[in-house]
């Protein structure tokens, strides 16, 4: 199992969340098997999301997907995301 973390600011959280939720079917088709969304306790526009995948290649493919970038842009991601991959230790 690989867990991909993404942290980025958003311009408008309700709009971002609506786009994120509407991307559910595509996320699953791209290999996401579980996910969760978190907001900073101090700044509701500071978002961290994790996505689980069966393997690192699938996670990297998702993270580098032009479609994902397109969706993030339309959702109002307001800066370059910070992305990292983890595995159980």
C-alpha atoms as a PDB file:
ATOM      1  CA  UNK A   1       0.000   0.000   0.000  1.00  0.00           C
ATOM      2  CA  UNK A   2       1.230   3.476  -0.903  1.00  0.00           C
ATOM      3  CA  UNK A   3      -0.226   6.628   0.624  1.00  0.00           C
ATOM      4  CA  UNK A   4       0.114   9.824  -1.392  1.00  0.00           C
ATOM      5  CA  UNK A   5      -0.153  13.096   0.514  1.00  0.00           C
ATOM      6  CA  UNK A   6      -0.941  16.392  -1.198  1.00  0.00           C
ATOM      7  CA  UNK A   7      -0.951  19.773   0.524  1.00  0.00           C
ATOM      8  CA  UNK A   8      -1.991  22.980  -1.201  1.00  0.00           C
ATOM      9  CA  UNK A   9      -3.894  26.221  -0.652  1.00  0.00           C
ATOM     10  CA  UNK A  10      -7.304  26.749  -2.216  1.00  0.00           C
ATOM     11  CA  UNK A  11      -9.064  29.972  -3.153  1.00  0.00           C
ATOM     12  CA  UNK A  12     -12.523  28.854  -1.984  1.00  0.00           C
ATOM     13  CA  UNK A  13     -12.915  25.664   0.064  1.00  0.00           C
ATOM     14  CA  UNK A  14     -16.618  24.984  -0.695  1.00  0.00           C
ATOM     15  CA  UNK A  15     -15.951  25.270  -4.445  1.00  0.00           C
ATOM     16  CA  UNK A  16     -12.814  23.103  -4.146  1.00  0.00           C
ATOM     17  CA  UNK A  17     -14.713  20.458  -2.164  1.00  0.00           C
ATOM     18  CA  UNK A  18     -17.520  20.327  -4.728  1.00  0.00           C
ATOM     19  CA  UNK A  19     -15.036  19.712  -7.558  1.00  0.00           C
ATOM     20  CA  UNK A  20     -13.072  17.208  -5.435  1.00  0.00           C
ATOM     21  CA  UNK A  21     -16.216  15.217  -4.637  1.00  0.00           C
ATOM     22  CA  UNK A  22     -17.340  15.221  -8.283  1.00  0.00           C
ATOM     23  CA  UNK A  23     -13.960  13.669  -9.236  1.00  0.00           C
ATOM     24  CA  UNK A  24     -14.686  10.525  -7.160  1.00  0.00           C
ATOM     25  CA  UNK A  25     -15.381   8.179 -10.072  1.00  0.00           C
ATOM     26  CA  UNK A  26     -12.310   9.278 -11.982  1.00  0.00           C
ATOM     27  CA  UNK A  27     -10.132   8.944  -8.862  1.00  0.00           C
ATOM     28  CA  UNK A  28     -11.254   5.341  -8.453  1.00  0.00           C
ATOM     29  CA  UNK A  29     -10.611   4.615 -12.134  1.00  0.00           C
ATOM     30  CA  UNK A  30      -7.104   6.061 -11.677  1.00  0.00           C
ATOM     31  CA  UNK A  31      -6.363   3.592  -8.869  1.00  0.00           C
ATOM     32  CA  UNK A  32      -7.337   5.424  -5.679  1.00  0.00           C
ATOM     33  CA  UNK A  33      -8.607   2.846  -3.175  1.00  0.00           C
ATOM     34  CA  UNK A  34      -9.163   5.199  -0.190  1.00  0.00           C
ATOM     35  CA  UNK A  35      -8.839   8.916   0.548  1.00  0.00           C
ATOM     36  CA  UNK A  36      -9.476  11.638   3.117  1.00  0.00           C
ATOM     37  CA  UNK A  37      -9.479  15.447   3.207  1.00  0.00           C
ATOM     38  CA  UNK A  38      -8.190  17.655   6.022  1.00  0.00           C
ATOM     39  CA  UNK A  39      -8.170  21.403   6.624  1.00  0.00           C
ATOM     40  CA  UNK A  40      -5.596  23.183   8.741  1.00  0.00           C
ATOM     41  CA  UNK A  41      -6.987  23.998  12.181  1.00  0.00           C
ATOM     42  CA  UNK A  42      -5.707  27.543  11.680  1.00  0.00           C
ATOM     43  CA  UNK A  43      -6.495  28.175   8.001  1.00  0.00           C
ATOM     44  CA  UNK A  44      -9.499  26.587   6.270  1.00  0.00           C
ATOM     45  CA  UNK A  45      -7.920  27.261   2.863  1.00  0.00           C
ATOM     46  CA  UNK A  46      -4.861  25.107   3.680  1.00  0.00           C
ATOM     47  CA  UNK A  47      -5.819  21.599   2.550  1.00  0.00           C
ATOM     48  CA  UNK A  48      -4.084  18.249   2.970  1.00  0.00           C
ATOM     49  CA  UNK A  49      -5.457  15.207   1.169  1.00  0.00           C
ATOM     50  CA  UNK A  50      -4.261  11.608   1.248  1.00  0.00           C
ATOM     51  CA  UNK A  51      -4.960   8.931  -1.333  1.00  0.00           C
ATOM     52  CA  UNK A  52      -4.127   5.225  -1.016  1.00  0.00           C
ATOM     53  CA  UNK A  53      -2.955   3.065  -3.934  1.00  0.00           C
ATOM     54  CA  UNK A  54      -1.952  -0.541  -4.386  1.00  0.00           C
ATOM     55  CA  UNK A  55       1.529   0.396  -5.634  1.00  0.00           C
ATOM     56  CA  UNK A  56       3.946   3.268  -6.181  1.00  0.00           C
ATOM     57  CA  UNK A  57       3.706   3.260  -9.988  1.00  0.00           C
ATOM     58  CA  UNK A  58      -0.053   3.828  -9.847  1.00  0.00           C
ATOM     59  CA  UNK A  59       0.371   6.569  -7.234  1.00  0.00           C
ATOM     60  CA  UNK A  60       2.998   8.331  -9.339  1.00  0.00           C
ATOM     61  CA  UNK A  61       0.808   8.022 -12.427  1.00  0.00           C
ATOM     62  CA  UNK A  62      -2.065   9.655 -10.580  1.00  0.00           C
ATOM     63  CA  UNK A  63       0.111  12.456  -9.181  1.00  0.00           C
ATOM     64  CA  UNK A  64       1.548  13.224 -12.607  1.00  0.00           C
ATOM     65  CA  UNK A  65      -1.720  12.978 -14.501  1.00  0.00           C
ATOM     66  CA  UNK A  66      -2.615  15.921 -16.745  1.00  0.00           C
ATOM     67  CA  UNK A  67      -6.261  15.264 -15.875  1.00  0.00           C
ATOM     68  CA  UNK A  68      -5.528  15.684 -12.168  1.00  0.00           C
ATOM     69  CA  UNK A  69      -3.794  19.009 -12.869  1.00  0.00           C
ATOM     70  CA  UNK A  70      -6.791  20.110 -14.918  1.00  0.00           C
ATOM     71  CA  UNK A  71      -9.211  19.253 -12.106  1.00  0.00           C
ATOM     72  CA  UNK A  72      -7.029  20.943  -9.493  1.00  0.00           C
ATOM     73  CA  UNK A  73      -6.931  24.111 -11.574  1.00  0.00           C
ATOM     74  CA  UNK A  74     -10.705  24.124 -12.076  1.00  0.00           C
ATOM     75  CA  UNK A  75     -11.186  23.549  -8.329  1.00  0.00           C
ATOM     76  CA  UNK A  76      -9.222  26.677  -7.493  1.00  0.00           C
ATOM     77  CA  UNK A  77      -5.961  25.285  -6.169  1.00  0.00           C
ATOM     78  CA  UNK A  78      -4.130  28.520  -5.428  1.00  0.00           C
ATOM     79  CA  UNK A  79      -0.512  27.407  -5.400  1.00  0.00           C
ATOM     80  CA  UNK A  80       1.895  24.643  -6.277  1.00  0.00           C
ATOM     81  CA  UNK A  81       0.993  21.472  -4.376  1.00  0.00           C
ATOM     82  CA  UNK A  82       3.495  19.737  -2.132  1.00  0.00           C
ATOM     83  CA  UNK A  83       3.308  15.994  -2.859  1.00  0.00           C
ATOM     84  CA  UNK A  84       4.957  13.074  -1.083  1.00  0.00           C
ATOM     85  CA  UNK A  85       4.615   9.289  -1.062  1.00  0.00           C
ATOM     86  CA  UNK A  86       4.737   7.010   1.985  1.00  0.00           C
ATOM     87  CA  UNK A  87       4.431   3.313   2.775  1.00  0.00           C
ATOM     88  CA  UNK A  88       3.731   1.482   6.034  1.00  0.00           C
ATOM     89  CA  UNK A  89       6.795   1.089   8.224  1.00  0.00           C
END
